[in-house]
N, C-alpha and C. Protein backbone atom coordinates (compact mmCIF):
# COMPACT_ATOMS: atom_id res chain seq x y z
N MET A 1 80.62 118.22 117.98
CA MET A 1 79.15 118.00 118.95
C MET A 1 78.97 117.24 119.23
N ALA A 2 78.65 116.75 120.77
CA ALA A 2 78.22 115.93 121.40
C ALA A 2 77.09 115.61 120.99
N ALA A 3 76.45 114.11 121.75
CA ALA A 3 75.40 113.56 120.97
C ALA A 3 74.88 112.72 122.03
N VAL A 4 73.55 112.66 122.35
CA VAL A 4 72.98 112.07 123.85
C VAL A 4 71.90 111.52 122.82
N VAL A 5 71.40 110.39 123.03
CA VAL A 5 71.14 109.14 122.76
C VAL A 5 69.83 108.71 123.88
N LEU A 6 68.41 109.18 123.57
CA LEU A 6 67.58 109.37 124.43
C LEU A 6 66.90 108.08 124.10
N VAL A 7 66.55 107.21 125.11
CA VAL A 7 65.41 105.70 124.83
C VAL A 7 64.49 105.67 125.64
N HIS A 8 63.24 106.02 125.40
CA HIS A 8 62.28 105.73 125.98
C HIS A 8 61.40 104.28 126.89
N GLY A 9 61.02 104.36 127.53
CA GLY A 9 60.50 103.07 128.35
C GLY A 9 58.97 102.15 127.73
N ALA A 10 58.67 101.11 128.41
CA ALA A 10 57.57 100.76 128.12
C ALA A 10 56.56 101.39 127.74
N ASN A 11 55.23 101.32 126.67
CA ASN A 11 53.97 101.97 126.25
C ASN A 11 54.22 103.33 125.77
N HIS A 12 55.63 103.99 125.92
CA HIS A 12 56.07 105.60 125.53
C HIS A 12 56.10 105.22 124.43
N GLY A 13 57.28 106.72 123.57
CA GLY A 13 57.56 106.45 122.57
C GLY A 13 58.66 108.16 122.60
N PRO A 14 59.26 108.43 121.65
CA PRO A 14 60.01 109.51 121.74
C PRO A 14 59.52 110.85 121.85
N TRP A 15 58.37 110.84 121.56
CA TRP A 15 57.61 111.76 122.27
C TRP A 15 57.59 112.41 123.96
N CYS A 16 58.01 111.55 124.94
CA CYS A 16 58.06 111.62 126.30
C CYS A 16 59.13 112.29 126.56
N TRP A 17 60.13 112.33 125.63
CA TRP A 17 61.11 113.70 126.08
C TRP A 17 61.26 115.13 125.06
N SER A 18 59.81 115.61 125.07
CA SER A 18 59.53 116.33 124.29
C SER A 18 60.25 117.88 125.09
N LYS A 19 60.29 117.41 126.75
CA LYS A 19 60.34 118.98 127.65
C LYS A 19 61.90 118.96 127.67
N VAL A 20 62.51 117.84 127.33
CA VAL A 20 64.27 117.84 127.51
C VAL A 20 65.24 118.01 126.07
N ASP A 21 64.35 117.34 125.05
CA ASP A 21 64.91 117.53 123.61
C ASP A 21 65.05 118.95 123.08
N GLY A 22 64.32 120.10 123.73
CA GLY A 22 64.53 121.33 123.05
C GLY A 22 65.77 121.85 123.64
N PRO A 23 66.02 121.73 124.79
CA PRO A 23 67.20 122.34 125.61
C PRO A 23 68.33 121.64 125.40
N LEU A 24 68.50 120.25 125.31
CA LEU A 24 69.90 119.41 124.82
C LEU A 24 69.88 120.66 123.23
N ARG A 25 68.81 120.12 122.46
CA ARG A 25 69.95 120.87 121.75
C ARG A 25 70.56 122.18 121.34
N GLU A 26 69.42 122.89 122.08
CA GLU A 26 70.13 124.19 122.60
C GLU A 26 71.19 124.68 123.13
N ALA A 27 71.73 123.35 123.74
CA ALA A 27 72.84 123.55 124.77
C ALA A 27 73.52 123.20 123.66
N GLY A 28 73.76 122.81 122.10
CA GLY A 28 74.41 122.40 121.38
C GLY A 28 75.00 121.18 121.02
N LEU A 29 73.86 120.30 121.70
CA LEU A 29 74.20 118.83 121.53
C LEU A 29 72.72 118.25 120.26
N GLN A 30 73.80 117.29 120.05
CA GLN A 30 72.81 116.28 119.00
C GLN A 30 72.02 115.04 119.89
N VAL A 31 71.12 115.31 119.33
CA VAL A 31 69.83 114.44 120.16
C VAL A 31 68.96 113.26 119.25
N GLU A 32 69.06 112.00 119.79
CA GLU A 32 68.56 111.10 118.74
C GLU A 32 67.93 110.41 119.50
N MET A 33 66.29 110.53 119.23
CA MET A 33 65.33 109.16 119.88
C MET A 33 65.12 108.39 119.15
N PRO A 34 65.79 107.28 119.04
CA PRO A 34 65.05 106.03 118.61
C PRO A 34 63.59 105.65 119.42
N ASP A 35 62.75 104.84 118.39
CA ASP A 35 61.58 104.41 118.39
C ASP A 35 62.07 102.81 118.96
N LEU A 36 61.65 102.16 120.27
CA LEU A 36 61.72 100.86 120.22
C LEU A 36 60.94 99.87 119.50
N TYR A 37 59.71 100.37 119.43
CA TYR A 37 58.65 99.74 118.76
C TYR A 37 58.32 99.73 117.26
N SER A 38 59.86 100.29 116.47
CA SER A 38 59.68 99.99 115.83
C SER A 38 60.91 98.85 115.08
N GLN A 39 60.95 98.06 116.08
CA GLN A 39 61.35 97.05 115.73
C GLN A 39 60.30 95.83 116.58
N PRO A 40 60.74 94.48 115.52
CA PRO A 40 59.81 93.23 116.33
C PRO A 40 59.78 93.23 117.44
N ASN A 41 60.84 93.39 118.24
CA ASN A 41 61.12 93.01 119.93
C ASN A 41 61.39 94.36 120.69
N ALA A 42 60.74 94.65 121.26
CA ALA A 42 61.20 96.39 121.98
C ALA A 42 62.55 96.03 122.81
N SER A 43 62.83 95.19 123.13
CA SER A 43 64.04 94.82 124.17
C SER A 43 65.57 94.47 123.31
N ASP A 44 65.28 94.77 122.17
CA ASP A 44 66.06 94.39 121.11
C ASP A 44 67.16 96.09 120.99
N PRO A 45 68.55 95.25 120.74
CA PRO A 45 69.59 96.96 121.04
C PRO A 45 69.56 97.36 119.52
N GLY A 46 68.89 96.61 118.97
CA GLY A 46 68.70 97.40 117.22
C GLY A 46 68.55 98.74 116.65
N ALA A 47 67.24 99.33 117.17
CA ALA A 47 66.97 100.60 116.90
C ALA A 47 68.02 101.98 118.13
N VAL A 48 68.56 101.05 119.44
CA VAL A 48 69.16 102.00 119.45
C VAL A 48 70.80 102.08 119.24
N GLN A 49 71.05 100.57 119.11
CA GLN A 49 72.58 100.72 117.90
C GLN A 49 72.61 101.09 116.73
N ALA A 50 71.45 101.45 115.80
CA ALA A 50 71.17 102.23 115.00
C ALA A 50 71.31 103.70 114.89
N ALA A 51 71.31 104.27 116.19
CA ALA A 51 71.16 105.42 116.62
C ALA A 51 72.15 106.45 116.87
N ILE A 52 73.07 105.12 117.30
CA ILE A 52 74.45 105.47 118.46
C ILE A 52 75.27 106.07 116.88
N ASP A 53 75.32 104.31 115.85
CA ASP A 53 75.97 104.64 114.59
C ASP A 53 75.97 105.45 114.09
N GLY A 54 74.59 106.18 114.02
CA GLY A 54 74.51 107.87 113.31
C GLY A 54 74.83 108.74 113.84
N CYS A 55 75.94 108.86 115.30
CA CYS A 55 76.10 109.93 115.96
C CYS A 55 77.82 109.56 115.66
N ALA A 56 78.33 108.61 115.08
CA ALA A 56 79.76 107.87 114.99
C ALA A 56 80.56 109.72 114.48
N GLY A 57 81.61 109.67 115.05
CA GLY A 57 82.49 110.54 115.06
C GLY A 57 83.43 110.90 116.64
N ASP A 58 84.24 111.49 116.52
CA ASP A 58 85.05 111.85 117.57
C ASP A 58 85.17 112.88 118.41
N ARG A 59 83.53 112.07 119.27
CA ARG A 59 83.19 113.19 120.08
C ARG A 59 82.13 112.49 121.12
N PRO A 60 82.01 113.12 122.42
CA PRO A 60 81.25 112.09 123.10
C PRO A 60 79.99 111.75 123.03
N ILE A 61 79.61 110.31 123.37
CA ILE A 61 78.42 109.98 122.94
C ILE A 61 77.60 109.58 124.11
N VAL A 62 76.70 110.00 124.64
CA VAL A 62 75.79 109.19 126.28
C VAL A 62 74.73 108.86 125.81
N VAL A 63 74.39 108.18 126.00
CA VAL A 63 72.63 106.76 126.13
C VAL A 63 72.06 107.33 127.20
N VAL A 64 70.82 107.28 127.34
CA VAL A 64 69.95 106.99 128.34
C VAL A 64 69.07 106.39 128.00
N GLY A 65 68.82 105.48 128.97
CA GLY A 65 67.85 104.50 129.21
C GLY A 65 67.24 104.42 129.88
N HIS A 66 65.14 104.93 129.56
CA HIS A 66 64.53 105.10 131.16
C HIS A 66 63.21 103.70 131.34
N SER A 67 63.70 103.57 132.11
CA SER A 67 62.55 102.26 132.65
C SER A 67 63.31 101.26 132.05
N PHE A 68 62.06 100.37 131.18
CA PHE A 68 62.20 99.51 129.99
C PHE A 68 63.25 99.76 129.16
N GLY A 69 63.79 101.01 128.42
CA GLY A 69 64.65 101.51 127.55
C GLY A 69 66.37 101.13 128.18
N GLY A 70 66.28 100.45 129.79
CA GLY A 70 67.38 99.70 130.04
C GLY A 70 67.62 98.80 129.81
N LEU A 71 66.80 98.13 129.26
CA LEU A 71 67.51 96.90 128.56
C LEU A 71 67.85 96.69 127.23
N PRO A 72 67.32 97.45 126.13
CA PRO A 72 68.43 97.95 125.19
C PRO A 72 69.27 98.39 124.90
N ILE A 73 69.86 99.59 126.10
CA ILE A 73 70.82 99.91 126.31
C ILE A 73 71.80 98.96 127.35
N THR A 74 71.62 98.30 127.63
CA THR A 74 72.52 97.15 128.22
C THR A 74 73.27 96.28 127.05
N GLN A 75 72.34 95.93 126.01
CA GLN A 75 72.90 95.36 124.93
C GLN A 75 73.45 96.12 123.99
N ILE A 76 74.01 96.87 124.21
CA ILE A 76 74.70 97.76 122.56
C ILE A 76 76.17 97.51 122.48
N ASP A 77 76.73 97.72 121.52
CA ASP A 77 78.29 97.57 121.58
C ASP A 77 78.75 98.68 122.33
N PRO A 78 79.43 98.32 123.97
CA PRO A 78 80.19 99.20 124.31
C PRO A 78 81.24 100.52 123.70
N THR A 79 81.63 99.54 122.92
CA THR A 79 83.07 100.22 121.98
C THR A 79 82.59 101.45 121.40
N THR A 80 81.01 101.63 121.53
CA THR A 80 80.74 102.68 120.67
C THR A 80 80.08 103.99 121.28
N VAL A 81 79.58 103.79 122.85
CA VAL A 81 79.41 104.90 122.94
C VAL A 81 80.49 105.65 124.41
N ASP A 82 80.01 106.26 125.49
CA ASP A 82 81.17 107.14 126.22
C ASP A 82 80.45 107.21 127.46
N HIS A 83 79.08 107.03 127.57
CA HIS A 83 78.39 106.67 129.43
C HIS A 83 77.08 106.27 128.76
N LEU A 84 76.49 105.55 129.77
CA LEU A 84 75.26 105.06 129.95
C LEU A 84 74.91 105.74 130.89
N VAL A 85 73.32 106.19 131.21
CA VAL A 85 72.44 106.43 131.57
C VAL A 85 71.59 105.82 132.21
N TYR A 86 71.41 105.09 133.24
CA TYR A 86 70.03 104.23 133.48
C TYR A 86 69.12 104.88 134.32
N LEU A 87 67.78 105.63 133.38
CA LEU A 87 66.89 106.49 134.44
C LEU A 87 65.76 105.55 135.21
N ALA A 88 66.08 105.19 136.17
CA ALA A 88 64.69 104.46 137.28
C ALA A 88 64.72 103.41 136.34
N ALA A 89 65.84 102.62 135.56
CA ALA A 89 65.68 101.92 134.39
C ALA A 89 65.95 100.31 134.63
N LEU A 90 65.17 99.50 134.12
CA LEU A 90 65.96 97.87 134.11
C LEU A 90 67.12 97.63 133.82
N PHE A 91 67.85 97.04 134.52
CA PHE A 91 69.28 96.77 135.11
C PHE A 91 69.40 95.32 134.72
N PRO A 92 69.57 95.17 133.36
CA PRO A 92 70.26 93.69 133.35
C PRO A 92 71.61 93.48 133.48
N THR A 93 71.94 91.90 134.19
CA THR A 93 73.27 91.59 134.68
C THR A 93 73.75 90.99 133.43
N ASP A 94 74.96 90.54 133.35
CA ASP A 94 75.65 88.94 132.47
C ASP A 94 75.87 88.14 133.29
N SER A 95 75.32 88.16 134.53
CA SER A 95 75.35 87.34 135.75
C SER A 95 74.33 86.35 136.66
N GLU A 96 73.75 85.42 136.30
CA GLU A 96 73.03 85.25 137.42
C GLU A 96 72.95 85.40 138.91
N THR A 97 74.20 85.55 139.20
CA THR A 97 74.44 85.53 140.82
C THR A 97 74.38 86.97 140.84
N GLU A 98 74.82 87.67 139.77
CA GLU A 98 74.28 89.01 140.44
C GLU A 98 72.72 89.81 139.72
N SER A 99 72.02 89.06 138.85
CA SER A 99 70.58 89.50 138.79
C SER A 99 70.02 89.99 140.06
N LEU A 100 69.25 90.91 139.86
CA LEU A 100 68.47 91.78 140.90
C LEU A 100 67.26 91.39 141.19
N GLY A 101 66.89 90.62 140.28
CA GLY A 101 65.49 89.84 140.77
C GLY A 101 64.21 90.95 140.15
N ASN A 102 63.13 90.77 140.49
CA ASN A 102 62.40 91.47 139.97
C ASN A 102 62.10 92.95 140.29
N PRO A 103 61.99 93.87 139.01
CA PRO A 103 62.30 95.03 139.01
C PRO A 103 61.22 96.03 139.53
N VAL A 104 59.81 95.54 139.55
CA VAL A 104 58.90 96.04 139.37
C VAL A 104 58.00 96.04 140.76
N VAL A 105 57.58 97.31 141.58
CA VAL A 105 56.86 97.19 143.09
C VAL A 105 55.97 96.53 142.79
N ALA A 106 55.08 96.01 144.19
CA ALA A 106 54.06 94.80 144.42
C ALA A 106 53.25 95.24 143.55
N ASP A 107 52.39 96.21 143.52
CA ASP A 107 51.46 96.35 142.83
C ASP A 107 51.43 96.61 141.26
N PHE A 108 52.95 96.97 140.80
CA PHE A 108 52.98 97.02 139.49
C PHE A 108 51.40 96.65 138.69
N PHE A 109 51.33 95.60 139.00
CA PHE A 109 50.23 94.61 137.69
C PHE A 109 49.25 94.89 138.25
N ASP A 110 48.84 95.76 139.17
CA ASP A 110 47.42 96.26 139.59
C ASP A 110 47.33 97.59 138.87
N LYS A 111 48.57 98.15 138.48
CA LYS A 111 48.11 99.47 137.63
C LYS A 111 48.31 99.13 136.42
N MET A 112 48.12 98.07 135.78
CA MET A 112 48.12 97.79 134.30
C MET A 112 47.17 96.73 134.07
N ASN A 113 46.83 96.66 132.39
CA ASN A 113 45.76 95.83 132.04
C ASN A 113 47.07 94.82 131.24
N VAL A 114 46.99 93.76 131.34
CA VAL A 114 47.38 92.15 130.64
C VAL A 114 46.67 91.50 129.96
N GLU A 115 46.77 91.98 128.39
CA GLU A 115 45.61 90.80 128.00
C GLU A 115 46.36 90.10 126.94
N ASP A 116 45.81 88.78 126.26
CA ASP A 116 46.98 88.41 125.19
C ASP A 116 48.42 88.69 125.14
N GLY A 117 49.12 88.77 126.21
CA GLY A 117 50.15 88.77 126.45
C GLY A 117 50.56 90.37 125.72
N VAL A 118 49.59 91.17 125.92
CA VAL A 118 49.96 92.83 125.88
C VAL A 118 49.62 93.87 126.84
N MET A 119 50.52 94.45 127.33
CA MET A 119 50.19 95.53 128.60
C MET A 119 49.86 96.40 127.92
N THR A 120 48.80 97.29 129.14
CA THR A 120 48.65 98.88 128.69
C THR A 120 48.57 99.31 129.93
N ALA A 121 48.42 100.65 130.21
CA ALA A 121 48.31 101.17 131.27
C ALA A 121 46.84 101.45 131.78
N LYS A 122 46.40 101.22 132.77
CA LYS A 122 44.94 101.88 133.57
C LYS A 122 45.14 103.44 133.51
N LEU A 123 44.19 103.31 132.81
CA LEU A 123 44.36 105.57 132.87
C LEU A 123 44.07 105.92 133.79
N GLU A 124 43.29 105.14 134.89
CA GLU A 124 42.36 105.87 136.39
C GLU A 124 43.84 105.83 137.21
N ARG A 125 44.75 105.18 136.67
CA ARG A 125 46.36 104.64 138.08
C ARG A 125 47.32 105.09 136.69
N LEU A 126 47.30 106.55 135.98
CA LEU A 126 48.32 106.83 135.39
C LEU A 126 49.31 107.48 136.43
N ARG A 127 48.89 108.52 137.11
CA ARG A 127 49.46 108.68 138.55
C ARG A 127 50.09 108.07 139.22
N ASP A 128 49.10 106.86 139.71
CA ASP A 128 50.16 105.78 140.99
C ASP A 128 51.47 105.27 140.05
N VAL A 129 51.83 104.53 138.76
CA VAL A 129 52.62 104.36 138.35
C VAL A 129 53.93 104.66 137.48
N TRP A 130 53.48 106.14 137.13
CA TRP A 130 54.50 106.87 136.49
C TRP A 130 54.50 108.14 136.30
N TYR A 131 53.51 108.94 137.20
CA TYR A 131 53.70 110.49 136.84
C TYR A 131 52.84 111.39 137.98
N GLY A 132 53.56 110.85 139.32
CA GLY A 132 52.67 111.26 140.62
C GLY A 132 53.35 112.88 140.77
N ASP A 133 54.11 113.20 140.02
CA ASP A 133 54.57 114.92 140.64
C ASP A 133 54.42 115.47 139.50
N CYS A 134 53.38 114.94 138.21
CA CYS A 134 53.44 115.65 137.05
C CYS A 134 51.69 116.40 137.09
N THR A 135 51.98 117.54 136.09
CA THR A 135 50.90 118.12 135.92
C THR A 135 49.79 117.47 135.32
N ASP A 136 48.01 117.83 135.78
CA ASP A 136 47.43 117.39 134.96
C ASP A 136 47.69 117.75 133.40
N ALA A 137 47.70 118.54 132.70
CA ALA A 137 48.54 118.61 131.34
C ALA A 137 49.10 117.71 131.01
N ASP A 138 50.43 117.08 131.81
CA ASP A 138 51.19 116.47 130.94
C ASP A 138 50.42 114.68 131.21
N VAL A 139 49.85 114.82 132.57
CA VAL A 139 49.29 113.25 132.43
C VAL A 139 48.12 113.16 131.46
N GLU A 140 47.95 114.14 130.85
CA GLU A 140 46.53 114.03 129.69
C GLU A 140 47.50 114.11 128.21
N PHE A 141 48.81 114.79 128.38
CA PHE A 141 49.45 114.35 127.27
C PHE A 141 49.99 113.00 127.00
N CYS A 142 50.49 112.31 128.21
CA CYS A 142 51.20 111.38 127.75
C CYS A 142 49.78 109.69 127.86
N ALA A 143 48.59 110.27 127.84
CA ALA A 143 47.30 109.08 127.75
C ALA A 143 46.98 109.08 126.95
N ALA A 144 47.21 110.51 125.91
CA ALA A 144 46.70 110.40 124.87
C ALA A 144 47.68 109.54 123.77
N ARG A 145 48.77 109.72 124.12
CA ARG A 145 50.25 109.12 122.84
C ARG A 145 50.57 107.59 123.86
N LEU A 146 50.10 107.22 124.48
CA LEU A 146 50.94 105.75 125.23
C LEU A 146 50.06 104.45 124.37
N ARG A 147 51.20 103.84 124.04
CA ARG A 147 50.74 102.07 123.19
C ARG A 147 50.52 101.23 123.79
N PRO A 148 50.07 100.00 123.81
CA PRO A 148 50.18 99.14 124.06
C PRO A 148 51.83 97.99 124.31
N HIS A 149 52.31 97.44 125.06
CA HIS A 149 53.78 96.93 125.63
C HIS A 149 53.29 95.21 124.87
N PRO A 150 54.09 95.24 123.84
CA PRO A 150 53.83 93.39 123.92
C PRO A 150 54.92 92.78 125.15
N MET A 151 54.15 91.99 125.66
CA MET A 151 55.22 91.32 126.75
C MET A 151 56.69 90.90 126.43
N GLY A 152 56.25 89.88 125.37
CA GLY A 152 57.36 89.33 124.79
C GLY A 152 58.56 88.91 125.88
N SER A 153 59.74 89.21 125.20
CA SER A 153 61.49 88.38 125.75
C SER A 153 61.67 89.88 126.68
N THR A 154 61.72 89.53 127.66
CA THR A 154 62.53 90.70 128.61
C THR A 154 63.92 89.89 129.18
N PRO A 155 64.60 89.81 128.38
CA PRO A 155 66.01 89.37 129.09
C PRO A 155 67.09 90.22 130.04
N MET A 156 66.71 89.95 131.51
CA MET A 156 67.21 90.38 132.62
C MET A 156 68.52 89.81 133.00
N VAL A 157 69.21 88.71 131.93
CA VAL A 157 70.73 88.40 132.03
C VAL A 157 70.92 87.91 130.82
N VAL A 158 72.06 88.76 130.57
CA VAL A 158 72.10 88.71 129.00
C VAL A 158 73.74 88.74 129.13
N ALA A 159 74.23 88.39 127.58
CA ALA A 159 75.41 87.58 127.19
C ALA A 159 76.78 88.55 127.87
N SER A 160 76.32 89.48 127.32
CA SER A 160 77.12 90.70 127.97
C SER A 160 76.99 92.21 128.06
N ALA A 161 77.26 92.69 129.39
CA ALA A 161 76.30 93.91 130.31
C ALA A 161 77.49 95.25 129.80
N ALA A 162 76.99 96.06 128.96
CA ALA A 162 77.60 97.17 128.16
C ALA A 162 78.15 97.92 129.63
N TRP A 163 77.61 98.05 130.74
CA TRP A 163 77.54 98.81 131.82
C TRP A 163 79.08 98.54 132.21
N ARG A 164 79.38 97.15 132.36
CA ARG A 164 80.67 96.72 132.71
C ARG A 164 81.58 97.40 132.27
N PHE A 165 81.75 98.20 130.52
CA PHE A 165 83.23 98.44 129.89
C PHE A 165 82.65 99.78 129.87
N VAL A 166 81.98 100.71 130.47
CA VAL A 166 81.51 102.06 129.83
C VAL A 166 80.97 102.68 131.37
N PRO A 167 81.55 103.65 131.44
CA PRO A 167 81.37 104.67 132.18
C PRO A 167 79.66 104.72 132.86
N SER A 168 79.63 104.48 133.90
CA SER A 168 77.23 104.46 133.57
C SER A 168 76.91 104.84 135.32
N THR A 169 76.22 105.89 135.29
CA THR A 169 75.34 106.41 136.29
C THR A 169 73.60 106.15 136.16
N TYR A 170 73.36 105.25 137.42
CA TYR A 170 72.02 105.17 137.58
C TYR A 170 71.34 106.25 138.61
N VAL A 171 69.85 106.84 137.71
CA VAL A 171 69.14 108.05 138.32
C VAL A 171 68.19 106.98 139.43
N ILE A 172 68.05 106.98 140.95
CA ILE A 172 67.04 106.34 141.41
C ILE A 172 66.29 107.95 141.94
N CYS A 173 64.88 107.59 141.40
CA CYS A 173 63.71 108.42 141.68
C CYS A 173 63.20 108.07 142.97
N GLU A 174 63.07 108.79 143.97
CA GLU A 174 62.15 108.43 145.61
C GLU A 174 61.12 107.97 145.82
N HIS A 175 60.18 108.77 144.67
CA HIS A 175 59.28 108.60 144.42
C HIS A 175 58.15 107.91 143.64
N ASP A 176 59.11 106.67 143.19
CA ASP A 176 58.64 106.35 142.14
C ASP A 176 57.52 104.94 142.29
N GLY A 177 56.43 104.72 141.62
CA GLY A 177 55.18 103.77 141.68
C GLY A 177 55.62 103.08 140.68
N SER A 178 56.88 102.67 139.63
CA SER A 178 56.63 101.54 138.99
C SER A 178 57.99 100.67 139.38
N ILE A 179 59.09 100.90 140.21
CA ILE A 179 60.35 100.15 139.70
C ILE A 179 60.66 100.45 141.07
N ARG A 180 60.56 99.38 141.76
CA ARG A 180 60.98 99.31 143.57
C ARG A 180 62.78 100.25 144.18
N GLN A 181 62.77 100.52 145.12
CA GLN A 181 64.05 101.29 145.74
C GLN A 181 64.77 100.65 145.76
N ASP A 182 64.43 99.16 146.43
CA ASP A 182 65.51 98.63 146.83
C ASP A 182 66.31 98.03 145.27
N TYR A 183 65.58 97.53 144.35
CA TYR A 183 66.23 97.45 143.10
C TYR A 183 66.96 98.56 142.73
N MET A 184 66.49 99.89 142.54
CA MET A 184 66.86 101.06 142.02
C MET A 184 68.52 101.39 142.78
N HIS A 185 68.19 101.03 144.27
CA HIS A 185 69.86 101.20 144.70
C HIS A 185 71.14 99.73 144.54
N ALA A 186 70.79 98.97 144.29
CA ALA A 186 71.29 97.88 143.99
C ALA A 186 71.93 98.30 142.44
N ALA A 187 71.21 99.01 141.75
CA ALA A 187 71.67 98.97 140.43
C ALA A 187 72.69 99.62 140.37
N ALA A 188 72.51 101.05 141.24
CA ALA A 188 73.09 102.11 141.69
C ALA A 188 74.45 101.77 142.01
N ALA A 189 74.89 100.36 143.21
CA ALA A 189 76.04 99.91 143.32
C ALA A 189 76.66 99.55 142.69
N LEU A 190 76.25 99.07 141.78
CA LEU A 190 76.79 97.97 140.40
C LEU A 190 77.27 99.16 139.49
N THR A 191 76.98 99.90 139.50
CA THR A 191 77.42 101.33 138.03
C THR A 191 78.33 101.89 138.94
N GLY A 192 78.58 102.14 140.26
CA GLY A 192 79.50 102.66 141.19
C GLY A 192 78.83 104.61 140.74
N ASP A 193 78.22 105.03 140.10
CA ASP A 193 77.71 106.27 140.29
C ASP A 193 76.37 106.32 140.17
N SER A 194 75.63 107.61 141.29
CA SER A 194 73.92 107.67 140.91
C SER A 194 73.83 108.73 141.04
N VAL A 195 73.20 109.23 141.17
CA VAL A 195 72.01 110.61 141.88
C VAL A 195 70.53 109.83 142.31
N ARG A 196 70.15 111.20 143.38
CA ARG A 196 68.90 110.55 144.17
C ARG A 196 67.79 111.61 143.44
N TRP A 197 67.00 112.05 142.86
CA TRP A 197 65.49 112.73 142.52
C TRP A 197 64.55 112.44 143.08
N PRO A 198 64.08 113.73 144.05
CA PRO A 198 62.84 113.77 144.74
C PRO A 198 61.52 113.91 144.13
N THR A 199 61.82 112.73 143.28
CA THR A 199 60.76 112.78 141.69
C THR A 199 59.81 111.40 141.58
N SER A 200 58.79 111.67 140.87
CA SER A 200 58.24 110.09 140.50
C SER A 200 59.03 109.22 139.15
N HIS A 201 58.46 108.46 138.35
CA HIS A 201 59.15 107.59 137.28
C HIS A 201 59.21 108.46 136.17
N SER A 202 59.00 109.70 135.93
CA SER A 202 59.09 110.38 134.91
C SER A 202 59.49 111.84 135.02
N PRO A 203 60.79 112.30 135.73
CA PRO A 203 61.50 113.11 135.81
C PRO A 203 61.72 114.15 134.49
N PHE A 204 61.54 113.20 133.65
CA PHE A 204 61.50 114.40 132.19
C PHE A 204 60.24 114.99 131.95
N LEU A 205 59.62 115.20 132.60
CA LEU A 205 57.97 115.62 132.22
C LEU A 205 58.02 116.75 133.75
N SER A 206 58.12 115.74 134.69
CA SER A 206 57.96 117.01 136.12
C SER A 206 59.29 117.71 136.39
N ARG A 207 60.33 117.48 135.97
CA ARG A 207 61.51 118.15 136.79
C ARG A 207 62.88 118.03 135.28
N PRO A 208 62.39 118.44 134.52
CA PRO A 208 63.15 118.28 132.92
C PRO A 208 64.07 118.85 133.24
N GLU A 209 64.56 119.69 134.22
CA GLU A 209 65.94 120.35 134.09
C GLU A 209 67.14 119.59 134.86
N LEU A 210 66.37 118.78 135.77
CA LEU A 210 67.61 117.66 136.39
C LEU A 210 68.06 116.83 135.01
N VAL A 211 67.16 116.49 134.37
CA VAL A 211 67.43 115.75 132.80
C VAL A 211 68.44 116.41 132.08
N VAL A 212 68.26 117.31 132.04
CA VAL A 212 69.19 118.34 130.85
C VAL A 212 70.73 118.26 131.94
N ASN A 213 70.39 118.88 133.27
CA ASN A 213 71.63 119.61 134.00
C ASN A 213 72.66 118.16 134.19
N LEU A 214 71.96 116.72 134.34
CA LEU A 214 72.87 115.64 134.50
C LEU A 214 73.77 115.46 132.92
N LEU A 215 72.96 115.51 132.00
CA LEU A 215 73.47 114.99 130.51
C LEU A 215 74.54 115.60 130.69
N ARG A 216 74.47 117.65 130.34
CA ARG A 216 75.48 118.55 130.30
C ARG A 216 76.80 118.25 131.00
N ASP A 217 76.27 117.76 132.37
CA ASP A 217 77.50 117.90 133.55
C ASP A 217 78.00 116.20 132.99
N ILE A 218 77.30 115.35 132.58
CA ILE A 218 77.94 114.11 132.02
C ILE A 218 78.92 114.51 130.89
N VAL A 219 78.46 114.84 129.69
CA VAL A 219 78.95 115.32 128.59
C VAL A 219 80.37 116.19 128.92
N ASP A 220 80.42 117.33 129.59
CA ASP A 220 81.36 118.08 129.98
C ASP A 220 82.38 117.28 130.42
N ARG A 221 82.12 115.88 131.33
CA ARG A 221 83.16 115.41 131.61
C ARG A 221 84.15 114.32 130.77
N HIS A 222 83.62 113.84 129.82
CA HIS A 222 83.98 113.59 128.48
C HIS A 222 84.54 114.31 127.49
N GLN A 223 84.43 115.35 127.82
CA GLN A 223 85.06 116.89 127.04
C GLN A 223 86.48 117.29 126.77
């Protein structure tokens, strides 16, 4: 059984994968969804690596990082996975000269509240930042579950970037209200493999079939 590790973004949790979890399991895949907030620093790879190690075996392991989830997946042990997927994600490099700069759109922090080093989303701006093409029911579902995000350390240059050593795919969301388009395209150029979807920042809610089909295709490539 191949395995998929789904890593959520800032303010979110494993619950955000609710529309893709079931279909992936029905396709015969093991699915793990680590909680980044189960550790002191959400950008640390520890929770993701533990989920990966729990899937160890002679089979493909694909790791998906959404948004902030790009930070921890870049820092995992590349020998333990077969493919990385950056879903509208932050994309750390291991070279100052290749750093892609500020990842977020110009008005990102107008859509957020930051107080005492903790970031929360303005409820009236949720569609603008993350859920532009989601249903009202999906927005309400998320609004009831979002968590504060301690800003903490956000290492955009790391000692070693796992994507250098593992086949990787970058997913560009064309109507993203969070991550800059030019940032996503630059990251896609570095991975060498990318797809473009006509979605907002959260296709796992608005177009879950795109996420499921992409991951199934990637698993098939590695089997």
